[in-house]
Amino acid sequence: MQTRLVPINDGRSLLYIAGQISRDGDQVLTGSCPDEVSVEEAARRARQCALSVLSQIESAVGLDRVEEVTQLVGLVLSADGFGDQPKVMNGASDLFVEVLGAAGKHTRAAVGTNALPFSATVEIAAVAVVRTG
């Protein structure tokens, strides 16, 4: 079966980066927060997702062409009643600013869910404005 999805859609000067799940190499980092994975570990996993997003940007256009990361959407595999998804997503947000400076500041949604692909702890999608030409 062929997929109907692409990892990145480059339209005009907006770069849409598809959801990147928490991985360490080829291993998917799984488990819900906070019952199976601590908030601190989930934040580390969000940082791994952010590295994957940055890698996708570098591969597509180069990080030097990023004018602004406009939005991150973060999904956190969460136990019932868990509400600290923003603390988890800080792991990703901090990395974007560390790597891109002011261009890494962004709007963000941090959402809890009861299921993610492959039971990954975190999934992050992003939108960035990039210089073209």
N, C-alpha and C. Protein backbone atom coordinates (compact mmCIF):
# COMPACT_ATOMS: atom_id res chain seq x y z
N MET A 1 0.84 -1.18 0.00
CA MET A 1 0.00 0.00 0.00
C MET A 1 0.88 1.24 0.00
N GLN A 2 0.66 2.12 -0.94
CA GLN A 2 1.42 3.36 -1.00
C GLN A 2 0.81 4.40 -0.07
N THR A 3 1.66 5.21 0.52
CA THR A 3 1.17 6.25 1.41
C THR A 3 0.71 7.45 0.60
N ARG A 4 -0.23 8.16 1.13
CA ARG A 4 -0.74 9.37 0.51
C ARG A 4 -0.21 10.62 1.21
N LEU A 5 0.72 10.43 2.11
CA LEU A 5 1.26 11.52 2.91
C LEU A 5 2.69 11.82 2.51
N VAL A 6 3.10 13.03 2.70
CA VAL A 6 4.48 13.43 2.49
C VAL A 6 5.02 13.98 3.81
N PRO A 7 6.34 13.87 4.07
CA PRO A 7 6.86 14.36 5.34
C PRO A 7 6.89 15.88 5.43
N ILE A 8 6.96 16.56 4.28
CA ILE A 8 7.01 18.02 4.29
C ILE A 8 6.26 18.53 3.08
N ASN A 9 5.50 19.62 3.27
CA ASN A 9 4.82 20.28 2.16
C ASN A 9 5.36 21.70 2.07
N ASP A 10 6.13 22.00 1.03
CA ASP A 10 6.76 23.31 0.88
C ASP A 10 5.91 24.16 -0.04
N GLY A 11 5.07 25.02 0.53
CA GLY A 11 4.23 25.91 -0.26
C GLY A 11 4.59 27.35 0.04
N ARG A 12 4.74 28.15 -1.00
CA ARG A 12 5.17 29.55 -0.87
C ARG A 12 6.39 29.63 0.03
N SER A 13 6.34 30.46 1.06
CA SER A 13 7.49 30.54 1.96
C SER A 13 7.18 29.89 3.31
N LEU A 14 6.12 29.08 3.35
CA LEU A 14 5.81 28.32 4.56
C LEU A 14 6.28 26.89 4.38
N LEU A 15 6.90 26.37 5.41
CA LEU A 15 7.35 24.99 5.40
C LEU A 15 6.54 24.25 6.47
N TYR A 16 5.80 23.23 6.06
CA TYR A 16 5.00 22.43 6.98
C TYR A 16 5.74 21.14 7.26
N ILE A 17 6.07 20.91 8.53
CA ILE A 17 6.81 19.71 8.90
C ILE A 17 5.84 18.74 9.57
N ALA A 18 5.70 17.57 8.96
CA ALA A 18 4.79 16.55 9.48
C ALA A 18 5.20 16.11 10.87
N GLY A 19 4.26 15.51 11.58
CA GLY A 19 4.51 15.06 12.94
C GLY A 19 5.71 14.14 13.05
N GLN A 20 6.59 14.47 13.98
CA GLN A 20 7.78 13.68 14.26
C GLN A 20 7.59 13.04 15.63
N ILE A 21 7.69 11.72 15.71
CA ILE A 21 7.46 11.04 16.98
C ILE A 21 8.76 10.85 17.75
N SER A 22 8.60 10.61 19.05
CA SER A 22 9.77 10.44 19.92
C SER A 22 10.50 9.14 19.57
N ARG A 23 11.76 9.30 19.19
CA ARG A 23 12.63 8.18 18.80
C ARG A 23 14.02 8.39 19.37
N ASP A 24 14.69 7.28 19.53
CA ASP A 24 16.11 7.28 19.81
C ASP A 24 16.71 6.35 18.77
N GLY A 25 17.24 6.93 17.69
CA GLY A 25 17.66 6.13 16.54
C GLY A 25 16.43 5.51 15.89
N ASP A 26 16.45 4.21 15.75
CA ASP A 26 15.31 3.50 15.15
C ASP A 26 14.27 3.07 16.19
N GLN A 27 14.57 3.26 17.46
CA GLN A 27 13.66 2.82 18.52
C GLN A 27 12.64 3.91 18.85
N VAL A 28 11.35 3.55 18.77
CA VAL A 28 10.30 4.48 19.18
C VAL A 28 10.27 4.51 20.70
N LEU A 29 10.28 5.73 21.26
CA LEU A 29 10.21 5.91 22.72
C LEU A 29 8.74 5.96 23.10
N THR A 30 8.29 4.95 23.83
CA THR A 30 6.87 4.77 24.11
C THR A 30 6.55 4.99 25.58
N GLY A 31 5.24 5.06 25.85
CA GLY A 31 4.75 5.14 27.23
C GLY A 31 4.03 6.44 27.50
N SER A 32 3.00 6.33 28.33
CA SER A 32 2.20 7.52 28.65
C SER A 32 2.78 8.25 29.85
N CYS A 33 2.50 9.52 29.88
CA CYS A 33 2.99 10.42 30.91
C CYS A 33 1.84 10.73 31.86
N PRO A 34 2.00 10.77 33.13
CA PRO A 34 3.21 10.49 33.92
C PRO A 34 3.26 9.09 34.50
N ASP A 35 2.30 8.22 34.16
CA ASP A 35 2.26 6.91 34.83
C ASP A 35 3.37 5.97 34.37
N GLU A 36 3.79 6.03 33.11
CA GLU A 36 4.86 5.16 32.61
C GLU A 36 6.16 5.91 32.35
N VAL A 37 6.04 7.20 32.11
CA VAL A 37 7.19 8.05 31.77
C VAL A 37 7.06 9.33 32.59
N SER A 38 8.12 9.72 33.27
CA SER A 38 8.08 10.96 34.08
C SER A 38 7.95 12.18 33.18
N VAL A 39 7.52 13.28 33.77
CA VAL A 39 7.42 14.54 33.02
C VAL A 39 8.80 14.93 32.49
N GLU A 40 9.83 14.75 33.29
CA GLU A 40 11.19 15.11 32.87
C GLU A 40 11.65 14.26 31.67
N GLU A 41 11.37 12.96 31.73
CA GLU A 41 11.74 12.09 30.62
C GLU A 41 10.92 12.41 29.38
N ALA A 42 9.64 12.70 29.56
CA ALA A 42 8.79 13.08 28.42
C ALA A 42 9.30 14.37 27.78
N ALA A 43 9.78 15.31 28.59
CA ALA A 43 10.35 16.55 28.05
C ALA A 43 11.61 16.26 27.23
N ARG A 44 12.41 15.29 27.70
CA ARG A 44 13.59 14.88 26.94
C ARG A 44 13.16 14.27 25.60
N ARG A 45 12.08 13.53 25.62
CA ARG A 45 11.56 12.93 24.40
C ARG A 45 10.99 13.99 23.46
N ALA A 46 10.39 15.02 24.01
CA ALA A 46 9.93 16.13 23.18
C ALA A 46 11.11 16.82 22.52
N ARG A 47 12.21 16.92 23.24
CA ARG A 47 13.44 17.49 22.67
C ARG A 47 13.93 16.63 21.50
N GLN A 48 13.83 15.30 21.63
CA GLN A 48 14.20 14.41 20.52
C GLN A 48 13.31 14.67 19.30
N CYS A 49 12.02 14.88 19.53
CA CYS A 49 11.11 15.21 18.42
C CYS A 49 11.54 16.51 17.76
N ALA A 50 11.90 17.49 18.58
CA ALA A 50 12.34 18.78 18.05
C ALA A 50 13.60 18.62 17.20
N LEU A 51 14.51 17.77 17.63
CA LEU A 51 15.71 17.50 16.82
C LEU A 51 15.32 16.92 15.46
N SER A 52 14.31 16.05 15.45
CA SER A 52 13.84 15.49 14.18
C SER A 52 13.21 16.55 13.30
N VAL A 53 12.45 17.46 13.90
CA VAL A 53 11.86 18.57 13.13
C VAL A 53 12.97 19.41 12.53
N LEU A 54 13.96 19.76 13.35
CA LEU A 54 15.07 20.57 12.85
C LEU A 54 15.83 19.84 11.74
N SER A 55 15.98 18.55 11.88
CA SER A 55 16.64 17.75 10.85
C SER A 55 15.85 17.78 9.54
N GLN A 56 14.53 17.72 9.63
CA GLN A 56 13.69 17.80 8.43
C GLN A 56 13.84 19.17 7.76
N ILE A 57 13.89 20.22 8.57
CA ILE A 57 14.07 21.57 8.01
C ILE A 57 15.43 21.68 7.34
N GLU A 58 16.47 21.21 8.02
CA GLU A 58 17.82 21.26 7.46
C GLU A 58 17.87 20.51 6.13
N SER A 59 17.26 19.36 6.09
CA SER A 59 17.26 18.55 4.87
C SER A 59 16.49 19.22 3.73
N ALA A 60 15.41 19.91 4.06
CA ALA A 60 14.55 20.51 3.03
C ALA A 60 15.12 21.81 2.48
N VAL A 61 15.55 22.72 3.37
CA VAL A 61 15.97 24.05 2.92
C VAL A 61 17.22 24.58 3.62
N GLY A 62 17.60 23.97 4.73
CA GLY A 62 18.72 24.47 5.52
C GLY A 62 18.23 25.34 6.66
N LEU A 63 18.78 25.14 7.84
CA LEU A 63 18.37 25.92 9.01
C LEU A 63 18.68 27.40 8.84
N ASP A 64 19.68 27.73 8.04
CA ASP A 64 20.05 29.12 7.83
C ASP A 64 18.96 29.90 7.08
N ARG A 65 18.00 29.22 6.51
CA ARG A 65 16.93 29.90 5.76
C ARG A 65 15.68 30.12 6.61
N VAL A 66 15.70 29.67 7.85
CA VAL A 66 14.54 29.84 8.72
C VAL A 66 14.46 31.29 9.20
N GLU A 67 13.37 31.93 8.87
CA GLU A 67 13.12 33.29 9.36
C GLU A 67 12.36 33.24 10.68
N GLU A 68 11.47 32.26 10.81
CA GLU A 68 10.65 32.17 12.01
C GLU A 68 9.99 30.80 12.08
N VAL A 69 10.02 30.20 13.24
CA VAL A 69 9.18 29.03 13.51
C VAL A 69 7.86 29.61 14.01
N THR A 70 6.82 29.43 13.22
CA THR A 70 5.56 30.09 13.58
C THR A 70 4.73 29.28 14.56
N GLN A 71 4.78 27.96 14.46
CA GLN A 71 3.92 27.17 15.33
C GLN A 71 4.46 25.76 15.54
N LEU A 72 4.32 25.29 16.77
CA LEU A 72 4.52 23.88 17.10
C LEU A 72 3.20 23.34 17.61
N VAL A 73 2.87 22.15 17.20
CA VAL A 73 1.73 21.43 17.76
C VAL A 73 2.29 20.16 18.37
N GLY A 74 2.16 20.06 19.68
CA GLY A 74 2.71 18.92 20.40
C GLY A 74 1.61 18.07 21.00
N LEU A 75 1.69 16.78 20.75
CA LEU A 75 0.76 15.81 21.32
C LEU A 75 1.53 14.94 22.29
N VAL A 76 0.98 14.78 23.48
CA VAL A 76 1.63 14.01 24.53
C VAL A 76 0.72 12.86 24.93
N LEU A 77 1.23 11.64 24.84
CA LEU A 77 0.48 10.48 25.28
C LEU A 77 0.31 10.60 26.79
N SER A 78 -0.93 10.75 27.25
CA SER A 78 -1.19 11.16 28.62
C SER A 78 -2.14 10.22 29.34
N ALA A 79 -1.86 10.00 30.61
CA ALA A 79 -2.77 9.27 31.48
C ALA A 79 -3.97 10.17 31.78
N ASP A 80 -5.09 9.56 32.10
CA ASP A 80 -6.28 10.34 32.46
C ASP A 80 -5.95 11.29 33.60
N GLY A 81 -6.40 12.52 33.48
CA GLY A 81 -6.21 13.52 34.52
C GLY A 81 -4.89 14.27 34.46
N PHE A 82 -3.98 13.87 33.57
CA PHE A 82 -2.70 14.56 33.46
C PHE A 82 -2.89 15.88 32.72
N GLY A 83 -2.33 16.96 33.25
CA GLY A 83 -2.52 18.27 32.63
C GLY A 83 -1.25 19.08 32.45
N ASP A 84 -0.09 18.45 32.59
CA ASP A 84 1.17 19.18 32.47
C ASP A 84 1.84 19.03 31.11
N GLN A 85 1.04 18.90 30.06
CA GLN A 85 1.60 18.80 28.71
C GLN A 85 2.50 19.99 28.37
N PRO A 86 2.16 21.23 28.81
CA PRO A 86 3.08 22.34 28.51
C PRO A 86 4.48 22.13 29.08
N LYS A 87 4.59 21.52 30.25
CA LYS A 87 5.92 21.24 30.82
C LYS A 87 6.69 20.26 29.94
N VAL A 88 5.99 19.28 29.39
CA VAL A 88 6.63 18.33 28.47
C VAL A 88 7.12 19.06 27.23
N MET A 89 6.27 19.88 26.65
CA MET A 89 6.61 20.58 25.41
C MET A 89 7.70 21.62 25.59
N ASN A 90 7.96 22.05 26.82
CA ASN A 90 9.06 22.99 27.04
C ASN A 90 10.39 22.39 26.58
N GLY A 91 10.52 21.07 26.62
CA GLY A 91 11.74 20.42 26.14
C GLY A 91 11.99 20.74 24.68
N ALA A 92 10.93 20.77 23.88
CA ALA A 92 11.06 21.10 22.45
C ALA A 92 11.22 22.60 22.25
N SER A 93 10.39 23.37 22.91
CA SER A 93 10.42 24.82 22.72
C SER A 93 11.79 25.40 23.07
N ASP A 94 12.36 24.93 24.17
CA ASP A 94 13.68 25.42 24.58
C ASP A 94 14.73 25.13 23.52
N LEU A 95 14.67 23.95 22.91
CA LEU A 95 15.66 23.60 21.89
C LEU A 95 15.55 24.50 20.67
N PHE A 96 14.33 24.80 20.23
CA PHE A 96 14.18 25.68 19.06
C PHE A 96 14.84 27.03 19.30
N VAL A 97 14.69 27.58 20.50
CA VAL A 97 15.32 28.87 20.80
C VAL A 97 16.83 28.72 20.94
N GLU A 98 17.29 27.62 21.54
CA GLU A 98 18.73 27.38 21.65
C GLU A 98 19.39 27.32 20.27
N VAL A 99 18.75 26.65 19.33
CA VAL A 99 19.34 26.45 18.01
C VAL A 99 19.14 27.65 17.09
N LEU A 100 17.95 28.24 17.11
CA LEU A 100 17.60 29.28 16.14
C LEU A 100 17.53 30.69 16.72
N GLY A 101 17.75 30.84 18.00
CA GLY A 101 17.65 32.16 18.62
C GLY A 101 16.23 32.69 18.51
N ALA A 102 16.11 34.00 18.25
CA ALA A 102 14.79 34.63 18.17
C ALA A 102 13.91 33.99 17.10
N ALA A 103 14.49 33.47 16.04
CA ALA A 103 13.71 32.82 14.98
C ALA A 103 13.04 31.54 15.48
N GLY A 104 13.51 31.00 16.59
CA GLY A 104 12.94 29.78 17.14
C GLY A 104 11.76 30.00 18.06
N LYS A 105 11.46 31.27 18.39
CA LYS A 105 10.29 31.55 19.23
C LYS A 105 9.03 31.32 18.42
N HIS A 106 8.00 30.74 19.05
CA HIS A 106 6.85 30.26 18.29
C HIS A 106 5.59 30.27 19.14
N THR A 107 4.45 30.15 18.46
CA THR A 107 3.21 29.83 19.16
C THR A 107 3.19 28.31 19.33
N ARG A 108 2.35 27.85 20.27
CA ARG A 108 2.40 26.43 20.55
C ARG A 108 1.07 25.92 21.09
N ALA A 109 0.75 24.71 20.70
CA ALA A 109 -0.33 23.97 21.33
C ALA A 109 0.29 22.74 21.97
N ALA A 110 -0.11 22.45 23.19
CA ALA A 110 0.37 21.27 23.91
C ALA A 110 -0.88 20.50 24.35
N VAL A 111 -1.10 19.37 23.70
CA VAL A 111 -2.35 18.64 23.85
C VAL A 111 -2.10 17.24 24.38
N GLY A 112 -2.93 16.80 25.31
CA GLY A 112 -2.87 15.44 25.79
C GLY A 112 -3.79 14.55 24.98
N THR A 113 -3.36 13.32 24.75
CA THR A 113 -4.16 12.35 24.00
C THR A 113 -3.97 10.96 24.59
N ASN A 114 -4.91 10.07 24.29
CA ASN A 114 -4.80 8.72 24.83
C ASN A 114 -4.17 7.74 23.84
N ALA A 115 -3.82 8.20 22.64
CA ALA A 115 -3.17 7.33 21.66
C ALA A 115 -2.35 8.16 20.68
N LEU A 116 -1.18 7.65 20.33
CA LEU A 116 -0.32 8.24 19.30
C LEU A 116 0.22 7.10 18.44
N PRO A 117 0.69 7.40 17.24
CA PRO A 117 1.25 6.34 16.39
C PRO A 117 2.36 5.57 17.11
N PHE A 118 2.28 4.25 17.02
CA PHE A 118 3.28 3.35 17.60
C PHE A 118 3.42 3.51 19.12
N SER A 119 2.40 4.12 19.76
CA SER A 119 2.40 4.38 21.21
C SER A 119 3.55 5.31 21.63
N ALA A 120 4.01 6.15 20.71
CA ALA A 120 5.06 7.12 21.03
C ALA A 120 4.60 8.04 22.15
N THR A 121 5.54 8.48 22.97
CA THR A 121 5.21 9.37 24.07
C THR A 121 4.84 10.77 23.58
N VAL A 122 5.54 11.25 22.55
CA VAL A 122 5.35 12.61 22.05
C VAL A 122 5.36 12.61 20.53
N GLU A 123 4.55 13.49 19.96
CA GLU A 123 4.59 13.77 18.52
C GLU A 123 4.51 15.28 18.34
N ILE A 124 5.38 15.82 17.48
CA ILE A 124 5.41 17.26 17.24
C ILE A 124 5.40 17.55 15.75
N ALA A 125 4.49 18.44 15.34
CA ALA A 125 4.45 18.98 13.98
C ALA A 125 4.78 20.46 14.07
N ALA A 126 5.25 21.04 12.98
CA ALA A 126 5.67 22.44 13.02
C ALA A 126 5.39 23.14 11.70
N VAL A 127 5.35 24.47 11.78
CA VAL A 127 5.26 25.34 10.61
C VAL A 127 6.36 26.38 10.77
N ALA A 128 7.10 26.61 9.70
CA ALA A 128 8.17 27.62 9.72
C ALA A 128 8.09 28.50 8.48
N VAL A 129 8.47 29.75 8.64
CA VAL A 129 8.63 30.66 7.51
C VAL A 129 10.08 30.59 7.10
N VAL A 130 10.32 30.37 5.80
CA VAL A 130 11.67 30.24 5.30
C VAL A 130 11.90 31.19 4.12
N ARG A 131 13.14 31.61 3.97
CA ARG A 131 13.52 32.42 2.80
C ARG A 131 13.56 31.52 1.59
N THR A 132 13.03 31.98 0.50
CA THR A 132 13.05 31.19 -0.74
C THR A 132 13.99 31.86 -1.73
N GLY A 133 14.40 31.08 -2.71
CA GLY A 133 15.21 31.63 -3.79
C GLY A 133 16.65 31.77 -3.52
